[in-house]
Protein backbone atom coordinates (compact mmCIF):
# COMPACT_ATOMS: atom_id res chain seq x y z
CA MET A 1 -40.03 -6.80 -57.27
CA LEU A 2 -37.20 -4.41 -58.15
CA LEU A 3 -35.28 -6.92 -60.31
CA GLU A 4 -38.43 -7.94 -62.16
CA THR A 5 -39.12 -4.36 -63.25
CA ILE A 6 -35.64 -4.02 -64.77
CA LYS A 7 -35.84 -5.16 -68.38
CA ASN A 8 -32.17 -4.85 -69.37
CA PRO A 9 -30.32 -8.09 -68.34
CA LYS A 10 -27.02 -6.18 -68.05
CA ASP A 11 -28.55 -3.89 -65.48
CA LYS A 12 -29.79 -6.89 -63.52
CA ASP A 13 -26.29 -8.46 -63.56
CA SER A 14 -24.70 -5.22 -62.40
CA ILE A 15 -27.13 -4.84 -59.51
CA MET A 16 -26.66 -8.47 -58.50
CA LYS A 17 -22.86 -8.03 -58.42
CA ASN A 18 -23.17 -4.88 -56.33
CA LEU A 19 -25.50 -6.61 -53.89
CA SER A 20 -23.12 -9.55 -53.63
CA MET A 21 -20.14 -7.27 -52.87
CA PHE A 22 -22.21 -5.30 -50.35
CA SER A 23 -23.22 -8.51 -48.57
CA LYS A 24 -19.59 -9.67 -48.38
CA SER A 25 -18.57 -6.30 -46.93
CA ILE A 26 -21.20 -6.60 -44.20
CA VAL A 27 -20.06 -10.13 -43.34
CA MET A 28 -16.43 -9.01 -43.13
CA ALA A 29 -17.34 -6.00 -40.97
CA LEU A 30 -19.35 -8.15 -38.61
CA GLY A 31 -16.51 -10.65 -38.41
CA MET A 32 -13.96 -7.96 -37.59
CA ALA A 33 -16.26 -6.51 -34.94
CA ALA A 34 -16.64 -9.94 -33.37
CA VAL A 35 -12.86 -10.42 -33.30
CA GLY A 36 -12.43 -6.95 -31.79
CA ASN A 37 -14.96 -7.65 -29.05
CA ALA A 38 -13.29 -10.97 -28.31
CA THR A 39 -9.89 -9.25 -28.07
CA ILE A 40 -11.28 -6.68 -25.62
CA SER A 41 -12.86 -9.44 -23.53
CA VAL A 42 -9.59 -11.39 -23.41
CA ALA A 43 -7.66 -8.23 -22.49
CA GLN A 44 -10.11 -7.43 -19.71
CA ALA A 45 -9.89 -10.98 -18.39
CA ALA A 46 -6.08 -10.83 -18.48
CA THR A 47 -5.89 -7.63 -16.35
CA PRO A 48 -7.85 -8.28 -13.14
CA ASN A 49 -7.60 -6.03 -10.10
CA VAL A 50 -4.25 -6.90 -8.49
CA ARG A 51 -4.28 -7.34 -4.70
CA VAL A 52 -0.96 -7.17 -2.88
CA SER A 53 -0.07 -7.90 0.73
CA GLU A 54 0.96 -5.20 3.18
CA SER A 55 4.57 -6.42 3.16
CA VAL A 56 4.77 -6.23 -0.65
CA ALA A 57 3.11 -2.80 -0.70
CA ALA A 58 5.65 -1.51 1.82
CA ALA A 59 8.57 -3.00 -0.13
CA GLN A 60 7.36 -1.30 -3.33
CA SER A 61 7.03 2.12 -1.69
CA LYS A 62 9.61 4.69 -2.80
CA ILE A 63 9.88 6.21 0.70
CA SER A 64 11.15 4.00 3.51
CA LEU A 65 9.92 4.18 7.09
CA GLU A 66 13.25 5.71 8.12
CA GLN A 67 12.90 8.40 5.44
CA ALA A 68 9.37 9.12 6.64
CA ILE A 69 10.77 9.67 10.15
CA ASP A 70 13.30 12.14 8.70
CA VAL A 71 10.49 14.03 6.97
CA GLY A 72 8.57 14.09 10.25
CA ASN A 73 11.58 15.38 12.20
CA LYS A 74 12.06 18.21 9.70
CA THR A 75 8.37 19.11 9.87
CA PHE A 76 7.74 18.89 13.61
CA LYS A 77 9.87 19.12 16.73
CA GLY A 78 9.00 16.63 19.44
CA ASP A 79 9.72 13.15 20.77
CA LEU A 80 9.09 10.38 18.24
CA VAL A 81 6.88 7.71 19.83
CA SER A 82 5.74 5.58 16.89
CA VAL A 83 5.66 5.22 13.12
CA GLU A 84 3.58 2.86 11.01
CA PHE A 85 3.05 2.04 7.32
CA ASP A 86 -0.62 2.11 6.34
CA GLN A 87 -1.52 0.37 3.07
CA ASN A 88 -4.15 1.84 0.73
CA GLY A 89 -6.67 -0.99 0.76
CA TYR A 90 -5.09 -3.90 -1.14
CA SER A 91 -3.18 -1.77 -3.64
CA ALA A 92 0.55 -1.08 -3.81
CA GLY A 93 0.26 2.48 -2.48
CA GLY A 94 0.37 3.59 1.13
CA LYS A 95 1.28 6.22 3.69
CA TYR A 96 3.09 6.54 7.01
CA ASP A 97 1.63 7.77 10.28
CA VAL A 98 4.44 9.34 12.30
CA LYS A 99 3.58 10.30 15.89
CA PHE A 100 5.35 12.80 18.12
CA ILE A 101 4.68 14.04 21.64
CA ALA A 102 5.33 17.64 22.66
CA ARG A 103 5.02 19.46 25.98
CA ASN A 104 4.36 16.07 27.65
CA THR A 105 0.63 16.42 26.95
CA ASP A 106 -0.01 16.67 23.20
CA GLU A 107 0.36 14.02 20.51
CA TYR A 108 0.84 15.04 16.88
CA THR A 109 0.29 12.62 14.01
CA LEU A 110 1.80 13.45 10.63
CA ARG A 111 0.52 11.48 7.64
CA ILE A 112 3.20 11.16 4.95
CA ASP A 113 2.80 9.80 1.42
CA ALA A 114 4.88 6.61 1.03
CA ASP A 115 5.72 7.36 -2.61
CA THR A 116 6.40 11.11 -2.59
CA GLY A 117 7.36 11.89 1.03
CA LYS A 118 4.80 14.71 1.06
CA VAL A 119 3.05 15.55 4.34
CA LEU A 120 -0.62 14.87 3.65
CA SER A 121 -2.09 15.96 6.99
CA ALA A 122 -1.32 16.78 10.61
CA LYS A 123 -3.55 15.98 13.58
CA GLN A 124 -3.27 17.00 17.23
CA GLU A 125 -4.71 15.11 20.21
CA GLN A 126 -4.37 15.56 23.94
CA LEU A 127 -2.94 12.63 25.87
CA ASP A 128 -4.97 10.94 28.59
CA LYS A 129 -3.49 9.76 31.91
CA ASP A 130 -2.53 6.31 30.60
CA ASP A 131 -0.81 7.80 27.57
CA ILE A 132 1.12 10.25 29.74
CA ALA A 133 2.25 7.43 32.04
CA GLU A 134 3.40 5.39 29.03
CA TYR A 135 5.25 8.39 27.61
CA LYS A 136 7.07 8.94 30.92
CA ALA A 137 8.11 5.27 30.88
CA MET A 138 9.47 5.69 27.37
CA LYS A 139 11.51 8.73 28.47
CA GLN A 140 13.27 6.46 30.99
CA ALA A 141 14.23 3.90 28.34
CA LYS A 142 17.95 3.40 27.76
CA VAL A 143 17.42 2.22 24.19
CA SER A 144 16.01 4.59 21.56
CA LEU A 145 13.35 3.68 19.01
CA ALA A 146 15.93 3.98 16.21
CA GLN A 147 18.25 1.56 18.03
CA ALA A 148 15.38 -0.87 18.56
CA MET A 149 14.55 -0.75 14.84
CA GLN A 150 18.17 -1.50 13.98
CA LYS A 151 18.21 -4.42 16.42
CA ALA A 152 15.01 -5.81 14.89
CA THR A 153 16.40 -5.74 11.33
CA GLN A 154 19.51 -7.54 12.58
CA ASN A 155 17.18 -10.25 13.88
CA VAL A 156 15.01 -10.31 10.72
CA ASN A 157 16.66 -9.14 7.51
CA GLY A 158 13.75 -7.13 6.13
CA LYS A 159 12.04 -3.73 6.02
CA VAL A 160 10.54 -2.13 9.12
CA ILE A 161 6.88 -1.20 8.57
CA LYS A 162 5.87 -0.42 12.16
CA ALA A 163 7.71 0.65 15.31
CA GLY A 164 6.50 1.95 18.64
CA PHE A 165 6.88 1.92 22.40
CA ASP A 166 4.59 -0.13 24.62
CA VAL A 167 4.26 -1.27 28.22
CA ASP A 168 3.51 -4.99 28.17
CA ASN A 169 2.64 -6.57 31.54
CA GLY A 170 4.52 -3.85 33.35
CA LYS A 171 7.61 -4.21 31.12
CA SER A 172 8.73 -1.38 28.83
CA VAL A 173 9.33 -2.68 25.31
CA TYR A 174 9.47 -1.68 21.67
CA GLU A 175 7.20 -3.47 19.26
CA ILE A 176 8.74 -3.66 15.79
CA LYS A 177 7.16 -5.21 12.69
CA VAL A 178 9.51 -6.22 9.89
CA ALA A 179 8.34 -7.19 6.40
CA LYS A 180 10.32 -9.90 4.65
CA GLY A 181 9.00 -11.25 1.36
CA ASN A 182 5.29 -11.88 1.82
CA GLN A 183 5.58 -12.30 5.57
CA ILE A 184 5.58 -9.91 8.51
CA HIS A 185 7.64 -10.65 11.61
CA LYS A 186 6.87 -9.15 15.01
CA VAL A 187 9.96 -8.45 17.09
CA ILE A 188 9.78 -7.34 20.74
CA ILE A 189 12.80 -5.43 22.07
CA ASP A 190 13.54 -4.69 25.73
CA SER A 191 13.71 -0.87 26.01
CA MET A 192 16.24 -1.01 28.83
CA THR A 193 18.72 -3.60 27.51
CA GLY A 194 18.06 -3.76 23.76
CA LYS A 195 17.66 -7.53 24.03
CA VAL A 196 15.28 -9.34 21.67
CA ILE A 197 12.55 -10.72 23.92
CA SER A 198 10.65 -12.49 21.15
CA SER A 199 10.56 -12.80 17.36
CA ARG A 200 7.76 -14.55 15.49
CA LEU A 201 5.57 -14.43 12.41
CA ASP A 202 2.67 -12.00 12.75
CA THR A 203 -0.19 -14.09 11.34
CA SER A 204 -2.72 -11.32 11.98
CA ASP A 205 -1.40 -9.51 8.86
CA ASP A 206 -1.80 -12.45 6.52
CA ASP A 207 -4.27 -12.04 3.64
């Protein structure tokens, strides 16, 4: 053995002290590493992937639906037919799809970032016969989409996340979705009178 071959007792004592200090250093290093790993594990456990509802995501967006419409109007000239907030999965981010109709036959969809207001894409589609008939019905409406949105927020004090024209059982209406807290309310407005036909919680958007 190494210690047995060392004849000078002082040398043996010196080596033993050095070995003892070295062993303590290893123990301390291992202990610190264990504490560090535990801290990382706790930190990882404390920051899980946060899922938010569509209403919360819309409320946290820097660009409102009305501002998205303004961006759309400055980018494209046509008749606004619908606008809708589209959440990015379950995160807080999102975008708006703003739809216009031009020349009575073509529909243009502008996708706008809900945080920056930047136009992300533009898509063109040709309307079919049903879409053209619905568009003609909307042109006869006495209440505009903007007025219907205002009426809906008077009924439900929240933030509009979807608005569009629809023909429901032969009746021309606006379908407006308003986010309030963690809930989404669906408000139906008569396109000829501006009267609220119905207002209820939209359970289909619940998480």
